[in-house]
Amino acid sequence: MEKMMKFCILRMMDKSIIEEQQCAVIAYGLDLLFSSAINILTILFLSVIIGRAGGIILLLLTSIPLQSFGGGYHCNTRLMCWILTTGGYLAALFGAVHLPIEVLFCAALVSAYPFLRFSPVENPKAPFGEIFKEKMKKVVRITYFVGILASLILLVFKNEGVRFILAGISLEGVSVFGAEYKRKKNLK
């Protein structure tokens, strides 16, 4: 993946798309893009194998915006990221299928705490300013409440999709909580 990132950065510099001082930011963005693509493709592949592609798509549609705007736990290596991401999504999928709806709702409601208290969690590799942070905070809160509202609507219509939305919210709540815990631990 390093070679692919270097190739892309060199091509962008050759074509004057980016300047040398932007390389670190672009490298970080490409790293996120490539790792995210690998993680999502793995999760989709596994969900097709176990016959839960529809559920995992709803779960991804819920969790990706929450993580994109609210932050989440970042591992120290790509391998650990892949293992934790894949394992987290499979655990959320398992929970969506097997846990009672009341437990899923409680977990999603408890997830309000990390979203409202800690989001957005900054990644030390990509810090952001206060104005941007406030905008992200609003987006995370709106996204969370839209997810809860969509869940309530689907529940009224007895649609099983509610389970996957609630699992996605809960998964990202755990991720944000873990990111904040790691951040505070690193400050010590």
Protein backbone atom coordinates (compact mmCIF):
# COMPACT_ATOMS: atom_id res chain seq x y z
CA MET A 1 0.00 0.00 0.00
CA GLU A 2 2.96 2.33 0.68
CA LYS A 3 4.15 1.96 -2.91
CA MET A 4 0.70 2.74 -4.25
CA MET A 5 0.44 5.87 -2.07
CA LYS A 6 3.91 7.08 -3.13
CA PHE A 7 3.03 6.45 -6.77
CA CYS A 8 -0.20 8.48 -6.46
CA ILE A 9 1.54 11.34 -4.65
CA LEU A 10 4.38 11.49 -7.19
CA ARG A 11 1.87 11.51 -10.06
CA MET A 12 -0.08 14.36 -8.43
CA MET A 13 3.14 16.33 -7.93
CA ASP A 14 4.26 15.67 -11.53
CA LYS A 15 0.93 16.99 -12.80
CA SER A 16 1.12 20.00 -10.41
CA ILE A 17 -2.08 18.93 -8.67
CA ILE A 18 -0.41 19.19 -5.27
CA GLU A 19 2.67 20.90 -3.88
CA GLU A 20 5.39 19.24 -1.82
CA GLN A 21 4.16 20.70 1.49
CA GLN A 22 0.78 18.97 0.95
CA CYS A 23 2.29 15.49 0.63
CA ALA A 24 1.85 14.47 4.29
CA VAL A 25 -1.85 15.40 4.30
CA ILE A 26 -2.46 13.70 0.95
CA ALA A 27 -0.57 10.59 2.13
CA TYR A 28 -2.76 10.44 5.25
CA GLY A 29 -5.92 10.80 3.14
CA LEU A 30 -4.82 8.12 0.68
CA ASP A 31 -3.93 5.80 3.55
CA LEU A 32 -7.44 6.24 4.96
CA LEU A 33 -9.01 5.78 1.53
CA PHE A 34 -7.13 2.59 0.70
CA SER A 35 -7.54 1.03 4.16
CA SER A 36 -11.24 1.93 4.24
CA ALA A 37 -11.76 0.38 0.81
CA ILE A 38 -10.02 -2.84 1.90
CA ASN A 39 -12.04 -2.97 5.14
CA ILE A 40 -15.38 -2.33 3.41
CA LEU A 41 -14.70 -4.85 0.65
CA THR A 42 -13.74 -7.49 3.24
CA ILE A 43 -16.91 -6.81 5.25
CA LEU A 44 -19.11 -6.93 2.15
CA PHE A 45 -17.45 -10.15 0.97
CA LEU A 46 -17.99 -11.84 4.34
CA SER A 47 -21.59 -10.63 4.55
CA VAL A 48 -22.34 -12.13 1.14
CA ILE A 49 -20.83 -15.45 2.26
CA ILE A 50 -23.04 -15.53 5.39
CA GLY A 51 -26.12 -14.28 3.52
CA ARG A 52 -26.46 -10.90 5.27
CA ALA A 53 -25.44 -8.42 2.55
CA GLY A 54 -28.60 -6.32 2.93
CA GLY A 55 -28.13 -6.02 6.67
CA ILE A 56 -24.46 -5.11 6.45
CA ILE A 57 -25.22 -2.42 3.86
CA LEU A 58 -27.68 -0.78 6.28
CA LEU A 59 -25.14 -1.14 9.06
CA LEU A 60 -22.44 0.50 6.91
CA LEU A 61 -24.79 3.29 5.79
CA THR A 62 -25.41 4.07 9.45
CA SER A 63 -21.92 3.71 10.85
CA ILE A 64 -19.79 5.31 8.11
CA PRO A 65 -21.27 8.83 8.44
CA LEU A 66 -21.06 8.62 12.24
CA GLN A 67 -17.39 7.61 12.10
CA SER A 68 -16.55 10.03 9.30
CA PHE A 69 -17.88 13.03 11.21
CA GLY A 70 -17.48 11.85 14.80
CA GLY A 71 -14.17 10.08 14.66
CA GLY A 72 -13.51 6.68 16.07
CA TYR A 73 -10.86 4.38 17.39
CA HIS A 74 -7.65 4.29 15.35
CA CYS A 75 -5.31 1.32 15.62
CA ASN A 76 -1.55 1.64 15.46
CA THR A 77 -1.16 -0.75 12.51
CA ARG A 78 -3.13 -1.46 9.36
CA LEU A 79 -3.40 -5.14 10.28
CA MET A 80 -4.91 -4.35 13.68
CA CYS A 81 -7.27 -1.88 12.01
CA TRP A 82 -8.41 -4.52 9.55
CA ILE A 83 -8.89 -7.12 12.32
CA LEU A 84 -10.72 -4.73 14.66
CA THR A 85 -12.89 -3.23 11.93
CA THR A 86 -13.87 -6.57 10.44
CA GLY A 87 -14.44 -8.09 13.88
CA GLY A 88 -16.46 -5.08 15.03
CA TYR A 89 -18.75 -5.20 12.02
CA LEU A 90 -19.23 -8.95 12.30
CA ALA A 91 -20.02 -8.57 16.03
CA ALA A 92 -22.51 -5.78 15.24
CA LEU A 93 -24.07 -7.94 12.52
CA PHE A 94 -24.32 -10.87 14.95
CA GLY A 95 -25.91 -8.57 17.55
CA ALA A 96 -28.36 -7.17 15.01
CA VAL A 97 -29.52 -10.66 14.12
CA HIS A 98 -29.56 -12.30 17.55
CA LEU A 99 -30.13 -9.68 20.27
CA PRO A 100 -33.62 -8.61 21.34
CA ILE A 101 -34.71 -5.30 19.82
CA GLU A 102 -34.95 -3.80 23.32
CA VAL A 103 -31.26 -4.48 23.94
CA LEU A 104 -30.33 -2.95 20.59
CA PHE A 105 -32.37 0.18 21.37
CA CYS A 106 -30.79 0.51 24.81
CA ALA A 107 -27.30 0.17 23.31
CA ALA A 108 -28.09 2.81 20.69
CA LEU A 109 -29.50 5.17 23.33
CA VAL A 110 -26.46 4.65 25.58
CA SER A 111 -24.34 5.51 22.53
CA ALA A 112 -25.74 9.03 22.72
CA TYR A 113 -23.27 9.68 25.56
CA PRO A 114 -20.04 9.27 23.58
CA PHE A 115 -21.53 11.06 20.55
CA LEU A 116 -22.77 14.03 22.57
CA ARG A 117 -19.84 14.17 25.01
CA PHE A 118 -16.74 13.28 22.96
CA SER A 119 -17.47 13.64 19.24
CA PRO A 120 -15.73 14.60 17.15
CA VAL A 121 -12.61 12.84 18.39
CA GLU A 122 -9.50 14.17 16.69
CA ASN A 123 -6.95 11.88 15.19
CA PRO A 124 -3.48 13.15 16.19
CA LYS A 125 -2.40 12.71 12.55
CA ALA A 126 -5.17 15.03 11.35
CA PRO A 127 -6.00 17.72 13.93
CA PHE A 128 -8.64 20.30 13.17
CA GLY A 129 -9.56 23.79 14.41
CA GLU A 130 -12.40 24.83 16.70
CA ILE A 131 -14.71 26.12 13.95
CA PHE A 132 -14.41 22.86 12.03
CA LYS A 133 -14.86 20.90 15.27
CA GLU A 134 -18.12 22.71 16.04
CA LYS A 135 -19.45 21.99 12.54
CA MET A 136 -18.53 18.30 12.89
CA LYS A 137 -20.18 18.15 16.31
CA LYS A 138 -23.46 19.40 14.81
CA VAL A 139 -23.29 16.92 11.94
CA VAL A 140 -22.63 14.02 14.34
CA ARG A 141 -25.57 14.97 16.55
CA ILE A 142 -27.91 15.35 13.59
CA THR A 143 -26.71 12.04 12.11
CA TYR A 144 -27.22 10.26 15.44
CA PHE A 145 -30.73 11.62 15.93
CA VAL A 146 -31.71 10.90 12.32
CA GLY A 147 -30.56 7.29 12.88
CA ILE A 148 -32.67 7.01 16.04
CA LEU A 149 -35.67 8.59 14.28
CA ALA A 150 -35.29 6.25 11.29
CA SER A 151 -35.13 3.33 13.73
CA LEU A 152 -38.35 4.40 15.42
CA ILE A 153 -40.11 4.74 12.06
CA LEU A 154 -38.89 1.32 10.92
CA LEU A 155 -39.95 -0.14 14.25
CA VAL A 156 -43.49 1.17 13.80
CA PHE A 157 -43.62 -0.58 10.42
CA LYS A 158 -42.02 -3.73 11.89
CA ASN A 159 -39.16 -3.53 9.41
CA GLU A 160 -36.15 -5.68 10.36
CA GLY A 161 -33.79 -2.99 9.04
CA VAL A 162 -34.19 -1.25 12.39
CA ARG A 163 -31.90 -3.87 13.94
CA PHE A 164 -28.99 -3.05 11.62
CA ILE A 165 -29.35 0.71 12.05
CA LEU A 166 -29.31 0.34 15.84
CA ALA A 167 -26.31 -1.98 15.65
CA GLY A 168 -24.45 0.54 13.47
CA ILE A 169 -25.16 3.36 15.92
CA SER A 170 -24.00 1.19 18.83
CA LEU A 171 -20.84 0.07 17.04
CA GLU A 172 -19.78 3.66 16.39
CA GLY A 173 -20.68 4.69 19.94
CA VAL A 174 -18.21 2.08 21.19
CA SER A 175 -15.63 3.27 18.63
CA VAL A 176 -15.92 6.92 19.72
CA PHE A 177 -15.71 5.92 23.38
CA GLY A 178 -12.60 3.83 22.63
CA ALA A 179 -11.02 6.71 20.69
CA GLU A 180 -11.58 9.12 23.56
CA TYR A 181 -10.20 6.61 26.06
CA LYS A 182 -7.08 6.13 23.91
CA ARG A 183 -6.68 9.89 23.49
CA LYS A 184 -6.83 10.51 27.24
CA LYS A 185 -4.48 7.59 27.92
CA ASN A 186 -1.94 9.05 25.47
CA LEU A 187 -2.10 12.44 27.20
CA LYS A 188 -0.81 10.93 30.45
